[in-house]
Amino acid sequence: QVQLVESGGGLVQAGGSLRLSCSASTNIYPYYTMSWYRQPPGKERELVAFVTAGRTTDYPSYVKGRFSISRDDAQNTVSLQMNNLKSEDTAVYYCNAKSSTSAFWGQGTQVTVSS
């Protein structure tokens, strides 16, 4: 069982930046790919970024070039740096840890971007 706790959400103006952090209760290396997802109001949950144990990262087109994910395996944390935020980035952001056999979610943190 992995407990994930997100932090860093809040209210920001369009064009601003926020940094989200996720702290895991156990070692995330080498078993877990760490990801951030988000769920905008009234919409489905969607992938925002992931980083593998080997530090391969990928992003969907709607955040590529603006968001950056990183992991610190010594601290068992994963971060999401979000720059040039847009109103459409408003959502609850969730941390996810996934191995070959299981997946765990955090409780989410609200990000609101005002235009």
Protein backbone atom coordinates (compact mmCIF):
# COMPACT_ATOMS: atom_id res chain seq x y z
CA GLN A 1 0.00 0.00 0.00
CA VAL A 2 1.33 3.42 -1.00
CA GLN A 3 -0.11 6.58 0.48
CA LEU A 4 0.29 9.69 -1.63
CA VAL A 5 -0.16 13.23 -0.35
CA GLU A 6 -0.30 16.15 -2.78
CA SER A 7 0.40 19.77 -1.91
CA GLY A 8 0.99 23.08 -3.63
CA GLY A 9 -2.34 23.78 -5.25
CA GLY A 10 -4.06 27.13 -5.08
CA LEU A 11 -5.33 30.12 -6.98
CA VAL A 12 -3.13 31.75 -9.60
CA GLN A 13 -3.63 34.24 -12.39
CA ALA A 14 -3.36 33.21 -16.00
CA GLY A 15 0.26 33.25 -17.10
CA GLY A 16 1.47 32.44 -13.62
CA SER A 17 3.21 29.39 -12.20
CA LEU A 18 2.62 26.77 -9.53
CA ARG A 19 4.62 23.83 -8.30
CA LEU A 20 2.81 20.75 -7.06
CA SER A 21 4.46 18.14 -4.87
CA CYS A 22 3.51 14.59 -4.03
CA SER A 23 4.99 12.70 -1.12
CA ALA A 24 4.88 8.90 -1.03
CA SER A 25 4.80 6.79 2.12
CA THR A 26 7.19 4.18 0.74
CA ASN A 27 10.10 3.84 -1.64
CA ILE A 28 8.99 4.66 -5.15
CA TYR A 29 12.19 3.43 -6.81
CA PRO A 30 12.50 1.19 -8.73
CA TYR A 31 8.98 -0.15 -8.94
CA TYR A 32 6.75 2.87 -9.57
CA THR A 33 6.10 5.06 -12.53
CA MET A 34 4.89 8.34 -11.07
CA SER A 35 2.26 10.41 -12.81
CA TRP A 36 0.11 13.46 -12.45
CA TYR A 37 -3.48 13.47 -13.64
CA ARG A 38 -6.12 16.15 -13.49
CA GLN A 39 -9.88 16.30 -13.55
CA PRO A 40 -11.39 19.55 -14.80
CA PRO A 41 -14.90 20.44 -13.59
CA GLY A 42 -17.47 18.24 -15.29
CA LYS A 43 -14.87 16.31 -17.28
CA GLU A 44 -13.04 13.02 -17.20
CA ARG A 45 -9.72 12.54 -15.45
CA GLU A 46 -6.81 13.00 -17.87
CA LEU A 47 -3.08 12.38 -17.84
CA VAL A 48 -0.85 15.42 -17.40
CA ALA A 49 2.64 13.92 -17.15
CA PHE A 50 4.54 10.82 -16.15
CA VAL A 51 8.09 9.90 -15.18
CA THR A 52 9.40 6.37 -15.12
CA ALA A 53 11.94 4.92 -12.71
CA GLY A 54 14.49 5.45 -15.47
CA ARG A 55 13.43 9.11 -15.61
CA THR A 56 11.77 8.93 -18.98
CA THR A 57 9.10 11.61 -19.13
CA ASP A 58 6.23 12.39 -21.45
CA TYR A 59 3.45 14.92 -21.69
CA PRO A 60 0.27 15.30 -23.70
CA SER A 61 0.18 18.10 -26.22
CA TYR A 62 -2.02 20.36 -24.09
CA VAL A 63 0.71 20.80 -21.43
CA LYS A 64 3.91 20.03 -23.34
CA GLY A 65 6.38 22.89 -23.10
CA ARG A 66 4.59 24.39 -20.08
CA PHE A 67 4.66 21.59 -17.47
CA SER A 68 7.66 19.65 -16.19
CA ILE A 69 7.63 16.55 -13.98
CA SER A 70 10.52 15.39 -11.83
CA ARG A 71 11.11 12.78 -9.17
CA ASP A 72 13.39 12.62 -6.16
CA ASP A 73 13.75 8.97 -5.24
CA ALA A 74 15.81 9.73 -2.15
CA GLN A 75 12.89 11.77 -0.76
CA ASN A 76 10.15 9.65 -2.36
CA THR A 77 8.60 12.70 -3.93
CA VAL A 78 7.44 13.75 -7.36
CA SER A 79 6.87 17.32 -8.44
CA LEU A 80 5.04 19.07 -11.22
CA GLN A 81 6.23 22.51 -12.27
CA MET A 82 3.46 24.32 -14.11
CA ASN A 83 4.28 27.49 -16.04
CA ASN A 84 2.25 29.81 -18.24
CA LEU A 85 -0.96 28.54 -16.68
CA LYS A 86 -4.21 28.93 -18.55
CA SER A 87 -7.80 28.98 -17.38
CA GLU A 88 -8.29 25.55 -18.94
CA ASP A 89 -5.68 24.15 -16.53
CA THR A 90 -8.19 24.63 -13.71
CA ALA A 91 -8.76 21.18 -12.21
CA VAL A 92 -8.16 18.89 -9.28
CA TYR A 93 -4.69 17.44 -9.74
CA TYR A 94 -3.95 13.89 -8.60
CA CYS A 95 -0.70 12.06 -8.00
CA ASN A 96 -0.51 8.44 -9.13
CA ALA A 97 1.97 5.66 -8.42
CA LYS A 98 1.80 2.64 -10.71
CA SER A 99 3.75 -0.59 -10.69
CA SER A 100 3.32 -3.76 -12.73
CA THR A 101 0.81 -5.05 -10.19
CA SER A 102 -0.90 -2.09 -8.54
CA ALA A 103 -1.78 1.58 -8.69
CA PHE A 104 -2.41 4.17 -6.01
CA TRP A 105 -3.92 7.65 -5.97
CA GLY A 106 -3.58 10.70 -3.79
CA GLN A 107 -6.55 12.70 -2.57
CA GLY A 108 -6.00 15.53 -5.03
CA THR A 109 -5.18 19.21 -4.82
CA GLN A 110 -7.19 22.02 -6.40
CA VAL A 111 -5.60 24.33 -8.95
CA THR A 112 -7.64 27.31 -10.04
CA VAL A 113 -6.41 29.65 -12.76
CA SER A 114 -8.19 32.97 -13.03
CA SER A 115 -8.32 34.76 -16.36
